[in-house]
């Protein structure tokens, strides 16, 4: 049986992740326990999450023609992610992210250098128009130029597909793009930046969700880390609790959530079940280290849900 199709238009980075028992303060040098170089970038992470969760996934992105690009190319090949619309930039380097992970808490600090990601443009997207239009679900983020995301959203909506926007890193979102989003999925910090509402309580999460819907988004899902997520639709407001696990590395947990949610929607799963599926996938992913490489496989998610009914 063929898998439902999904597309990601966004960023691809090589992640340089250092693990340490003590995160340095300003001017301090500390020792790390290990360094890992692997695939990352919100676009890559979400494409990996989609593919592993069961969707036939294509990615539209820009990378350089450098040694870091090979990290991504090898990963896409291994994961079965279609790269027919990946552009190799002859002038700009592959994007990168330097990540410091606190091994005691699993928390992280990240510095991103956009590189070729910053040159992704509407022309690149339109060249991949047929591939994008065939997707039931399109995932977008804000690590790439918004005009490219807008072009992709128009293609998918005109073809009858669903658009999910993960507004990270948070910034200005064109009203036209928000109006094309069936779902917007920020975390607490991003929701506060976008709405000015401090998301410290359940009610404030709902307030932020209402504000995002008032600006044009169809459904707002505010992810709350260990507290799960708060959801605001046209007709209801509710929360979905998180699963209790021991977090090893929270890097890309939001990307896992978005990708698994998109994969569930691809299959026609209802909203409540799709959110529980995404929450389970995120719980699995934070129990191991890395970004794209920590994304959960479908069998793992299904098994986790079976054990946590």
C-alpha atoms as a PDB file:
ATOM      1  CA  UNK A   1       0.000   0.000   0.000  1.00  0.00           C
ATOM      2  CA  UNK A   2       1.382   3.425  -0.951  1.00  0.00           C
ATOM      3  CA  UNK A   3       2.222   5.881   1.803  1.00  0.00           C
ATOM      4  CA  UNK A   4       0.416   9.273   1.990  1.00  0.00           C
ATOM      5  CA  UNK A   5       2.507  12.093   0.587  1.00  0.00           C
ATOM      6  CA  UNK A   6       3.931  15.043   2.518  1.00  0.00           C
ATOM      7  CA  UNK A   7       6.298  17.883   1.681  1.00  0.00           C
ATOM      8  CA  UNK A   8       8.589  20.121   3.686  1.00  0.00           C
ATOM      9  CA  UNK A   9       9.830  23.484   2.479  1.00  0.00           C
ATOM     10  CA  UNK A  10      12.454  24.752   4.862  1.00  0.00           C
ATOM     11  CA  UNK A  11      15.919  24.592   6.296  1.00  0.00           C
ATOM     12  CA  UNK A  12      18.627  21.954   6.263  1.00  0.00           C
ATOM     13  CA  UNK A  13      21.610  22.254   8.595  1.00  0.00           C
ATOM     14  CA  UNK A  14      24.545  20.240   9.725  1.00  0.00           C
ATOM     15  CA  UNK A  15      24.350  20.130  13.524  1.00  0.00           C
ATOM     16  CA  UNK A  16      27.460  20.314  15.663  1.00  0.00           C
ATOM     17  CA  UNK A  17      26.241  19.147  19.063  1.00  0.00           C
ATOM     18  CA  UNK A  18      28.411  19.277  22.148  1.00  0.00           C
ATOM     19  CA  UNK A  19      27.346  17.573  25.383  1.00  0.00           C
ATOM     20  CA  UNK A  20      28.476  18.940  28.731  1.00  0.00           C
ATOM     21  CA  UNK A  21      27.715  18.441  32.417  1.00  0.00           C
ATOM     22  CA  UNK A  22      28.094  22.196  32.968  1.00  0.00           C
ATOM     23  CA  UNK A  23      26.839  24.838  30.541  1.00  0.00           C
ATOM     24  CA  UNK A  24      29.322  27.743  30.480  1.00  0.00           C
ATOM     25  CA  UNK A  25      28.390  31.229  31.600  1.00  0.00           C
ATOM     26  CA  UNK A  26      29.784  34.355  29.939  1.00  0.00           C
ATOM     27  CA  UNK A  27      33.580  34.184  29.738  1.00  0.00           C
ATOM     28  CA  UNK A  28      33.808  30.634  31.112  1.00  0.00           C
ATOM     29  CA  UNK A  29      35.422  27.609  29.442  1.00  0.00           C
ATOM     30  CA  UNK A  30      34.195  24.146  30.399  1.00  0.00           C
ATOM     31  CA  UNK A  31      34.903  20.602  29.257  1.00  0.00           C
ATOM     32  CA  UNK A  32      32.427  18.729  27.114  1.00  0.00           C
ATOM     33  CA  UNK A  33      31.853  14.996  27.197  1.00  0.00           C
ATOM     34  CA  UNK A  34      31.431  14.468  23.431  1.00  0.00           C
ATOM     35  CA  UNK A  35      30.857  16.135  20.052  1.00  0.00           C
ATOM     36  CA  UNK A  36      28.438  14.791  17.439  1.00  0.00           C
ATOM     37  CA  UNK A  37      28.104  16.073  13.859  1.00  0.00           C
ATOM     38  CA  UNK A  38      24.853  15.088  12.182  1.00  0.00           C
ATOM     39  CA  UNK A  39      21.855  16.224  10.139  1.00  0.00           C
ATOM     40  CA  UNK A  40      19.600  18.964  11.477  1.00  0.00           C
ATOM     41  CA  UNK A  41      17.724  22.128  10.644  1.00  0.00           C
ATOM     42  CA  UNK A  42      14.022  22.401  11.320  1.00  0.00           C
ATOM     43  CA  UNK A  43      13.138  21.435   7.747  1.00  0.00           C
ATOM     44  CA  UNK A  44      15.341  18.339   7.812  1.00  0.00           C
ATOM     45  CA  UNK A  45      14.168  17.338  11.273  1.00  0.00           C
ATOM     46  CA  UNK A  46      10.510  17.583  10.336  1.00  0.00           C
ATOM     47  CA  UNK A  47      11.065  15.753   7.047  1.00  0.00           C
ATOM     48  CA  UNK A  48      12.743  12.938   8.980  1.00  0.00           C
ATOM     49  CA  UNK A  49       9.905  12.845  11.513  1.00  0.00           C
ATOM     50  CA  UNK A  50       7.341  12.688   8.702  1.00  0.00           C
ATOM     51  CA  UNK A  51       9.135   9.906   6.867  1.00  0.00           C
ATOM     52  CA  UNK A  52       9.787   7.766   9.946  1.00  0.00           C
ATOM     53  CA  UNK A  53       6.165   8.173  11.048  1.00  0.00           C
ATOM     54  CA  UNK A  54       4.900   6.807   7.748  1.00  0.00           C
ATOM     55  CA  UNK A  55       4.620   9.583   5.145  1.00  0.00           C
ATOM     56  CA  UNK A  56       6.204   9.560   1.676  1.00  0.00           C
ATOM     57  CA  UNK A  57       8.225  12.745   2.153  1.00  0.00           C
ATOM     58  CA  UNK A  58       9.888  15.280  -0.153  1.00  0.00           C
ATOM     59  CA  UNK A  59      12.053  18.180   0.993  1.00  0.00           C
ATOM     60  CA  UNK A  60      12.623  21.482  -0.792  1.00  0.00           C
ATOM     61  CA  UNK A  61      15.705  23.254   0.561  1.00  0.00           C
ATOM     62  CA  UNK A  62      19.098  24.782  -0.290  1.00  0.00           C
ATOM     63  CA  UNK A  63      22.465  23.477   0.822  1.00  0.00           C
ATOM     64  CA  UNK A  64      26.033  24.301  -0.142  1.00  0.00           C
ATOM     65  CA  UNK A  65      28.524  22.287  -2.135  1.00  0.00           C
ATOM     66  CA  UNK A  66      30.744  21.582   0.837  1.00  0.00           C
ATOM     67  CA  UNK A  67      31.651  18.789   3.221  1.00  0.00           C
ATOM     68  CA  UNK A  68      28.696  19.521   5.515  1.00  0.00           C
ATOM     69  CA  UNK A  69      26.271  18.917   2.631  1.00  0.00           C
ATOM     70  CA  UNK A  70      27.372  15.277   2.488  1.00  0.00           C
ATOM     71  CA  UNK A  71      26.116  14.787   6.053  1.00  0.00           C
ATOM     72  CA  UNK A  72      22.629  15.753   4.862  1.00  0.00           C
ATOM     73  CA  UNK A  73      22.751  13.895   1.544  1.00  0.00           C
ATOM     74  CA  UNK A  74      23.710  10.636   3.246  1.00  0.00           C
ATOM     75  CA  UNK A  75      20.965  11.079   5.807  1.00  0.00           C
ATOM     76  CA  UNK A  76      18.235  11.740   3.218  1.00  0.00           C
ATOM     77  CA  UNK A  77      19.290   8.701   1.226  1.00  0.00           C
ATOM     78  CA  UNK A  78      19.169   6.486   4.307  1.00  0.00           C
ATOM     79  CA  UNK A  79      15.757   7.811   5.355  1.00  0.00           C
ATOM     80  CA  UNK A  80      14.146   7.556   1.924  1.00  0.00           C
ATOM     81  CA  UNK A  81      13.433  11.291   1.760  1.00  0.00           C
ATOM     82  CA  UNK A  82      13.071  12.544  -1.809  1.00  0.00           C
ATOM     83  CA  UNK A  83      15.762  15.089  -2.725  1.00  0.00           C
ATOM     84  CA  UNK A  84      14.685  15.830  -6.297  1.00  0.00           C
ATOM     85  CA  UNK A  85      13.968  19.440  -5.294  1.00  0.00           C
ATOM     86  CA  UNK A  86      17.090  20.082  -3.211  1.00  0.00           C
ATOM     87  CA  UNK A  87      19.160  22.961  -4.634  1.00  0.00           C
ATOM     88  CA  UNK A  88      22.965  22.890  -4.334  1.00  0.00           C
ATOM     89  CA  UNK A  89      24.233  26.465  -3.934  1.00  0.00           C
ATOM     90  CA  UNK A  90      27.635  27.109  -5.483  1.00  0.00           C
ATOM     91  CA  UNK A  91      28.285  30.287  -3.484  1.00  0.00           C
ATOM     92  CA  UNK A  92      26.828  29.856  -0.007  1.00  0.00           C
ATOM     93  CA  UNK A  93      27.775  27.238   2.621  1.00  0.00           C
ATOM     94  CA  UNK A  94      25.448  24.645   4.044  1.00  0.00           C
ATOM     95  CA  UNK A  95      23.558  25.964   7.063  1.00  0.00           C
ATOM     96  CA  UNK A  96      24.808  24.930  10.477  1.00  0.00           C
ATOM     97  CA  UNK A  97      23.695  24.844  14.082  1.00  0.00           C
ATOM     98  CA  UNK A  98      25.958  24.718  17.113  1.00  0.00           C
ATOM     99  CA  UNK A  99      24.102  23.092  20.012  1.00  0.00           C
ATOM    100  CA  UNK A 100      25.129  22.884  23.663  1.00  0.00           C
ATOM    101  CA  UNK A 101      23.263  20.168  25.560  1.00  0.00           C
ATOM    102  CA  UNK A 102      23.178  20.017  29.360  1.00  0.00           C
ATOM    103  CA  UNK A 103      23.529  16.298  30.094  1.00  0.00           C
ATOM    104  CA  UNK A 104      21.961  16.698  33.548  1.00  0.00           C
ATOM    105  CA  UNK A 105      18.672  18.192  32.361  1.00  0.00           C
ATOM    106  CA  UNK A 106      18.549  17.544  28.619  1.00  0.00           C
ATOM    107  CA  UNK A 107      18.039  21.278  28.010  1.00  0.00           C
ATOM    108  CA  UNK A 108      19.847  22.950  25.132  1.00  0.00           C
ATOM    109  CA  UNK A 109      21.145  26.254  23.758  1.00  0.00           C
ATOM    110  CA  UNK A 110      21.415  26.696  19.980  1.00  0.00           C
ATOM    111  CA  UNK A 111      23.145  29.128  17.595  1.00  0.00           C
ATOM    112  CA  UNK A 112      22.115  28.836  13.931  1.00  0.00           C
ATOM    113  CA  UNK A 113      24.015  30.135  10.882  1.00  0.00           C
ATOM    114  CA  UNK A 114      21.610  30.172   7.929  1.00  0.00           C
ATOM    115  CA  UNK A 115      24.082  29.830   5.049  1.00  0.00           C
ATOM    116  CA  UNK A 116      22.334  28.652   1.877  1.00  0.00           C
ATOM    117  CA  UNK A 117      19.013  28.384   3.721  1.00  0.00           C
ATOM    118  CA  UNK A 118      18.720  32.163   3.557  1.00  0.00           C
ATOM    119  CA  UNK A 119      18.696  32.080  -0.264  1.00  0.00           C
ATOM    120  CA  UNK A 120      15.687  29.772  -0.668  1.00  0.00           C
ATOM    121  CA  UNK A 121      13.278  31.716  -2.873  1.00  0.00           C
ATOM    122  CA  UNK A 122       9.824  31.498  -4.505  1.00  0.00           C
ATOM    123  CA  UNK A 123      11.431  30.475  -7.810  1.00  0.00           C
ATOM    124  CA  UNK A 124      12.948  27.420  -6.092  1.00  0.00           C
ATOM    125  CA  UNK A 125       9.523  26.544  -4.726  1.00  0.00           C
ATOM    126  CA  UNK A 126       7.693  27.036  -8.017  1.00  0.00           C
ATOM    127  CA  UNK A 127      10.250  24.791  -9.743  1.00  0.00           C
ATOM    128  CA  UNK A 128       9.146  22.063  -7.318  1.00  0.00           C
ATOM    129  CA  UNK A 129       5.467  22.923  -7.802  1.00  0.00           C
ATOM    130  CA  UNK A 130       4.266  19.500  -8.969  1.00  0.00           C
ATOM    131  CA  UNK A 131       5.978  17.728  -6.070  1.00  0.00           C
ATOM    132  CA  UNK A 132       4.551  20.200  -3.548  1.00  0.00           C
ATOM    133  CA  UNK A 133       1.043  20.166  -5.044  1.00  0.00           C
ATOM    134  CA  UNK A 134       0.855  16.379  -4.705  1.00  0.00           C
ATOM    135  CA  UNK A 135       1.313  16.560  -0.925  1.00  0.00           C
ATOM    136  CA  UNK A 136      -1.620  16.081   1.408  1.00  0.00           C
ATOM    137  CA  UNK A 137       0.292  17.977   4.092  1.00  0.00           C
ATOM    138  CA  UNK A 138       2.935  20.729   3.833  1.00  0.00           C
ATOM    139  CA  UNK A 139       5.175  21.612   6.778  1.00  0.00           C
ATOM    140  CA  UNK A 140       6.754  25.066   7.005  1.00  0.00           C
ATOM    141  CA  UNK A 141       9.022  26.809   9.514  1.00  0.00           C
ATOM    142  CA  UNK A 142      10.652  30.268   9.794  1.00  0.00           C
ATOM    143  CA  UNK A 143      14.319  29.305   9.331  1.00  0.00           C
ATOM    144  CA  UNK A 144      13.886  30.022   5.601  1.00  0.00           C
ATOM    145  CA  UNK A 145      12.613  33.199   3.898  1.00  0.00           C
ATOM    146  CA  UNK A 146       8.872  33.675   4.354  1.00  0.00           C
ATOM    147  CA  UNK A 147       8.296  34.507   0.682  1.00  0.00           C
ATOM    148  CA  UNK A 148       9.360  30.956  -0.192  1.00  0.00           C
ATOM    149  CA  UNK A 149       7.013  29.559   2.469  1.00  0.00           C
ATOM    150  CA  UNK A 150       4.168  31.712   1.169  1.00  0.00           C
ATOM    151  CA  UNK A 151       4.683  30.453  -2.377  1.00  0.00           C
ATOM    152  CA  UNK A 152       4.575  26.853  -1.150  1.00  0.00           C
ATOM    153  CA  UNK A 153       1.467  27.421   0.978  1.00  0.00           C
ATOM    154  CA  UNK A 154      -0.384  28.871  -2.004  1.00  0.00           C
ATOM    155  CA  UNK A 155       0.466  25.827  -4.134  1.00  0.00           C
ATOM    156  CA  UNK A 156      -0.724  23.332  -1.516  1.00  0.00           C
ATOM    157  CA  UNK A 157      -3.928  25.157  -0.617  1.00  0.00           C
ATOM    158  CA  UNK A 158      -4.855  25.546  -4.288  1.00  0.00           C
ATOM    159  CA  UNK A 159      -4.362  21.789  -4.668  1.00  0.00           C
ATOM    160  CA  UNK A 160      -6.589  21.077  -1.661  1.00  0.00           C
ATOM    161  CA  UNK A 161      -3.841  20.142   0.800  1.00  0.00           C
ATOM    162  CA  UNK A 162      -3.217  21.097   4.422  1.00  0.00           C
ATOM    163  CA  UNK A 163      -0.621  23.646   5.624  1.00  0.00           C
ATOM    164  CA  UNK A 164       1.142  23.423   9.001  1.00  0.00           C
ATOM    165  CA  UNK A 165       3.364  26.308  10.150  1.00  0.00           C
ATOM    166  CA  UNK A 166       5.847  25.884  12.977  1.00  0.00           C
ATOM    167  CA  UNK A 167       6.776  29.563  13.594  1.00  0.00           C
ATOM    168  CA  UNK A 168      10.330  28.976  14.748  1.00  0.00           C
ATOM    169  CA  UNK A 169      12.376  30.963  15.253  1.00  0.00           C
ATOM    170  CA  UNK A 170       9.507  33.337  16.021  1.00  0.00           C
ATOM    171  CA  UNK A 171       9.331  36.523  13.961  1.00  0.00           C
ATOM    172  CA  UNK A 172       7.103  38.533  11.689  1.00  0.00           C
ATOM    173  CA  UNK A 173       4.660  36.368   9.759  1.00  0.00           C
ATOM    174  CA  UNK A 174       2.944  37.911   6.737  1.00  0.00           C
ATOM    175  CA  UNK A 175      -0.825  38.021   7.302  1.00  0.00           C
ATOM    176  CA  UNK A 176      -1.297  36.328   3.926  1.00  0.00           C
ATOM    177  CA  UNK A 177       0.770  33.354   5.090  1.00  0.00           C
ATOM    178  CA  UNK A 178      -1.089  33.055   8.406  1.00  0.00           C
ATOM    179  CA  UNK A 179      -4.388  33.039   6.544  1.00  0.00           C
ATOM    180  CA  UNK A 180      -3.211  30.008   4.547  1.00  0.00           C
ATOM    181  CA  UNK A 181      -2.232  28.001   7.647  1.00  0.00           C
ATOM    182  CA  UNK A 182      -4.609  25.259   8.715  1.00  0.00           C
ATOM    183  CA  UNK A 183      -2.475  24.782  11.827  1.00  0.00           C
ATOM    184  CA  UNK A 184       0.102  26.941  13.601  1.00  0.00           C
ATOM    185  CA  UNK A 185       2.272  25.181  16.199  1.00  0.00           C
ATOM    186  CA  UNK A 186       4.478  27.467  18.344  1.00  0.00           C
ATOM    187  CA  UNK A 187       6.019  26.625  21.693  1.00  0.00           C
ATOM    188  CA  UNK A 188       5.442  28.809  24.778  1.00  0.00           C
ATOM    189  CA  UNK A 189       8.263  31.240  24.005  1.00  0.00           C
ATOM    190  CA  UNK A 190       7.305  31.589  20.353  1.00  0.00           C
ATOM    191  CA  UNK A 191       3.648  32.103  21.239  1.00  0.00           C
ATOM    192  CA  UNK A 192       4.605  34.917  23.621  1.00  0.00           C
ATOM    193  CA  UNK A 193       6.798  36.605  20.999  1.00  0.00           C
ATOM    194  CA  UNK A 194       4.022  36.381  18.407  1.00  0.00           C
ATOM    195  CA  UNK A 195       1.157  37.524  20.634  1.00  0.00           C
ATOM    196  CA  UNK A 196       2.681  39.431  23.554  1.00  0.00           C
ATOM    197  CA  UNK A 197       0.896  37.060  25.952  1.00  0.00           C
ATOM    198  CA  UNK A 198       3.039  35.342  28.577  1.00  0.00           C
ATOM    199  CA  UNK A 199       2.171  31.662  28.373  1.00  0.00           C
ATOM    200  CA  UNK A 200       2.590  30.594  31.974  1.00  0.00           C
ATOM    201  CA  UNK A 201      -0.857  29.162  32.588  1.00  0.00           C
ATOM    202  CA  UNK A 202      -3.390  27.031  30.763  1.00  0.00           C
ATOM    203  CA  UNK A 203      -5.729  29.998  30.335  1.00  0.00           C
ATOM    204  CA  UNK A 204      -2.950  32.201  28.930  1.00  0.00           C
ATOM    205  CA  UNK A 205      -2.076  29.450  26.469  1.00  0.00           C
ATOM    206  CA  UNK A 206      -5.673  29.522  25.309  1.00  0.00           C
ATOM    207  CA  UNK A 207      -5.542  33.330  25.088  1.00  0.00           C
ATOM    208  CA  UNK A 208      -2.441  33.123  22.902  1.00  0.00           C
ATOM    209  CA  UNK A 209      -4.151  30.523  20.729  1.00  0.00           C
ATOM    210  CA  UNK A 210      -7.189  32.771  20.316  1.00  0.00           C
ATOM    211  CA  UNK A 211      -4.929  35.660  19.338  1.00  0.00           C
ATOM    212  CA  UNK A 212      -3.246  33.566  16.643  1.00  0.00           C
ATOM    213  CA  UNK A 213      -6.605  32.435  15.305  1.00  0.00           C
ATOM    214  CA  UNK A 214      -7.789  36.050  15.253  1.00  0.00           C
ATOM    215  CA  UNK A 215      -4.817  36.844  13.015  1.00  0.00           C
ATOM    216  CA  UNK A 216      -5.931  34.243  10.475  1.00  0.00           C
ATOM    217  CA  UNK A 217      -4.613  30.803  11.487  1.00  0.00           C
ATOM    218  CA  UNK A 218      -7.137  27.969  11.385  1.00  0.00           C
ATOM    219  CA  UNK A 219      -6.139  26.046  14.530  1.00  0.00           C
ATOM    220  CA  UNK A 220      -3.516  26.996  17.146  1.00  0.00           C
ATOM    221  CA  UNK A 221      -1.557  24.307  18.997  1.00  0.00           C
ATOM    222  CA  UNK A 222       0.705  25.738  21.732  1.00  0.00           C
ATOM    223  CA  UNK A 223       3.264  23.137  22.809  1.00  0.00           C
ATOM    224  CA  UNK A 224       4.032  23.311  26.540  1.00  0.00           C
ATOM    225  CA  UNK A 225       6.920  20.876  27.021  1.00  0.00           C
ATOM    226  CA  UNK A 226       6.270  18.652  30.037  1.00  0.00           C
ATOM    227  CA  UNK A 227       2.731  20.038  30.259  1.00  0.00           C
ATOM    228  CA  UNK A 228       1.695  18.768  26.820  1.00  0.00           C
ATOM    229  CA  UNK A 229      -0.112  21.213  24.536  1.00  0.00           C
ATOM    230  CA  UNK A 230      -3.040  23.631  24.505  1.00  0.00           C
ATOM    231  CA  UNK A 231      -5.298  23.646  21.461  1.00  0.00           C
ATOM    232  CA  UNK A 232      -7.677  26.319  20.177  1.00  0.00           C
ATOM    233  CA  UNK A 233      -9.954  25.562  17.236  1.00  0.00           C
ATOM    234  CA  UNK A 234     -13.001  27.366  15.904  1.00  0.00           C
ATOM    235  CA  UNK A 235     -15.271  25.271  18.108  1.00  0.00           C
ATOM    236  CA  UNK A 236     -13.296  24.086  21.137  1.00  0.00           C
ATOM    237  CA  UNK A 237     -10.384  24.636  23.496  1.00  0.00           C
ATOM    238  CA  UNK A 238      -8.641  21.722  25.198  1.00  0.00           C
ATOM    239  CA  UNK A 239      -5.304  20.398  26.416  1.00  0.00           C
ATOM    240  CA  UNK A 240      -3.462  17.195  25.614  1.00  0.00           C
ATOM    241  CA  UNK A 241      -1.218  15.963  28.467  1.00  0.00           C
ATOM    242  CA  UNK A 242       2.377  14.969  27.892  1.00  0.00           C
ATOM    243  CA  UNK A 243       3.716  11.517  28.668  1.00  0.00           C
ATOM    244  CA  UNK A 244       6.133  11.196  31.590  1.00  0.00           C
ATOM    245  CA  UNK A 245       9.608  10.116  30.423  1.00  0.00           C
ATOM    246  CA  UNK A 246      13.212  10.794  31.426  1.00  0.00           C
ATOM    247  CA  UNK A 247      14.505  13.388  28.976  1.00  0.00           C
ATOM    248  CA  UNK A 248      18.045  12.917  27.686  1.00  0.00           C
ATOM    249  CA  UNK A 249      18.048  15.625  24.984  1.00  0.00           C
ATOM    250  CA  UNK A 250      15.117  17.911  24.118  1.00  0.00           C
ATOM    251  CA  UNK A 251      16.715  19.116  20.873  1.00  0.00           C
ATOM    252  CA  UNK A 252      14.166  18.947  18.031  1.00  0.00           C
ATOM    253  CA  UNK A 253      11.315  17.713  20.229  1.00  0.00           C
ATOM    254  CA  UNK A 254       9.105  20.372  18.645  1.00  0.00           C
ATOM    255  CA  UNK A 255      10.118  19.212  15.176  1.00  0.00           C
ATOM    256  CA  UNK A 256       9.239  15.647  16.128  1.00  0.00           C
ATOM    257  CA  UNK A 257       5.825  16.791  17.330  1.00  0.00           C
ATOM    258  CA  UNK A 258       5.125  18.723  14.119  1.00  0.00           C
ATOM    259  CA  UNK A 259       6.321  15.923  11.844  1.00  0.00           C
ATOM    260  CA  UNK A 260       4.392  13.180  13.611  1.00  0.00           C
ATOM    261  CA  UNK A 261       1.283  15.372  13.710  1.00  0.00           C
ATOM    262  CA  UNK A 262       1.612  15.983   9.975  1.00  0.00           C
ATOM    263  CA  UNK A 263       2.064  12.275   9.270  1.00  0.00           C
ATOM    264  CA  UNK A 264      -1.087  11.464  11.234  1.00  0.00           C
ATOM    265  CA  UNK A 265      -3.076  14.107   9.373  1.00  0.00           C
ATOM    266  CA  UNK A 266      -1.765  12.672   6.080  1.00  0.00           C
ATOM    267  CA  UNK A 267      -3.548   9.444   6.959  1.00  0.00           C
ATOM    268  CA  UNK A 268      -6.811  11.203   7.738  1.00  0.00           C
ATOM    269  CA  UNK A 269      -6.481  10.829  11.505  1.00  0.00           C
ATOM    270  CA  UNK A 270      -8.778  13.083  13.567  1.00  0.00           C
ATOM    271  CA  UNK A 271      -7.357  16.060  15.466  1.00  0.00           C
ATOM    272  CA  UNK A 272      -7.443  14.591  18.986  1.00  0.00           C
ATOM    273  CA  UNK A 273      -5.841  11.301  17.932  1.00  0.00           C
ATOM    274  CA  UNK A 274      -3.257  13.078  15.763  1.00  0.00           C
ATOM    275  CA  UNK A 275      -2.221  15.237  18.731  1.00  0.00           C
ATOM    276  CA  UNK A 276      -1.874  12.219  21.026  1.00  0.00           C
ATOM    277  CA  UNK A 277       0.205  10.475  18.344  1.00  0.00           C
ATOM    278  CA  UNK A 278       2.450  13.563  18.056  1.00  0.00           C
ATOM    279  CA  UNK A 279       2.789  13.819  21.840  1.00  0.00           C
ATOM    280  CA  UNK A 280       3.851  10.166  22.037  1.00  0.00           C
ATOM    281  CA  UNK A 281       6.399  10.653  19.258  1.00  0.00           C
ATOM    282  CA  UNK A 282       7.912  13.627  21.081  1.00  0.00           C
ATOM    283  CA  UNK A 283       8.138  11.585  24.283  1.00  0.00           C
ATOM    284  CA  UNK A 284      10.068   8.870  22.454  1.00  0.00           C
ATOM    285  CA  UNK A 285      12.435  11.343  20.788  1.00  0.00           C
ATOM    286  CA  UNK A 286      13.587  13.132  23.962  1.00  0.00           C
ATOM    287  CA  UNK A 287      14.791   9.861  25.474  1.00  0.00           C
ATOM    288  CA  UNK A 288      17.781   9.838  23.098  1.00  0.00           C
ATOM    289  CA  UNK A 289      20.358  12.297  21.848  1.00  0.00           C
ATOM    290  CA  UNK A 290      20.486  14.242  18.610  1.00  0.00           C
ATOM    291  CA  UNK A 291      18.198  16.142  16.262  1.00  0.00           C
ATOM    292  CA  UNK A 292      17.124  14.362  13.063  1.00  0.00           C
ATOM    293  CA  UNK A 293      18.639  11.090  14.280  1.00  0.00           C
ATOM    294  CA  UNK A 294      16.440  11.121  17.405  1.00  0.00           C
ATOM    295  CA  UNK A 295      13.165  11.151  15.468  1.00  0.00           C
ATOM    296  CA  UNK A 296      10.893   8.213  16.302  1.00  0.00           C
ATOM    297  CA  UNK A 297       9.951   5.422  13.900  1.00  0.00           C
ATOM    298  CA  UNK A 298       6.300   4.506  13.416  1.00  0.00           C
ATOM    299  CA  UNK A 299       6.638   1.142  15.134  1.00  0.00           C
ATOM    300  CA  UNK A 300       8.191   2.839  18.180  1.00  0.00           C
ATOM    301  CA  UNK A 301       5.361   5.366  18.420  1.00  0.00           C
ATOM    302  CA  UNK A 302       2.679   2.714  18.066  1.00  0.00           C
ATOM    303  CA  UNK A 303       4.398   0.544  20.680  1.00  0.00           C
ATOM    304  CA  UNK A 304       4.722   3.495  23.080  1.00  0.00           C
ATOM    305  CA  UNK A 305       1.017   4.282  22.708  1.00  0.00           C
ATOM    306  CA  UNK A 306       0.092   0.652  23.305  1.00  0.00           C
ATOM    307  CA  UNK A 307       2.095   0.645  26.536  1.00  0.00           C
ATOM    308  CA  UNK A 308       0.700   4.013  27.682  1.00  0.00           C
ATOM    309  CA  UNK A 309      -3.043   3.676  27.100  1.00  0.00           C
END
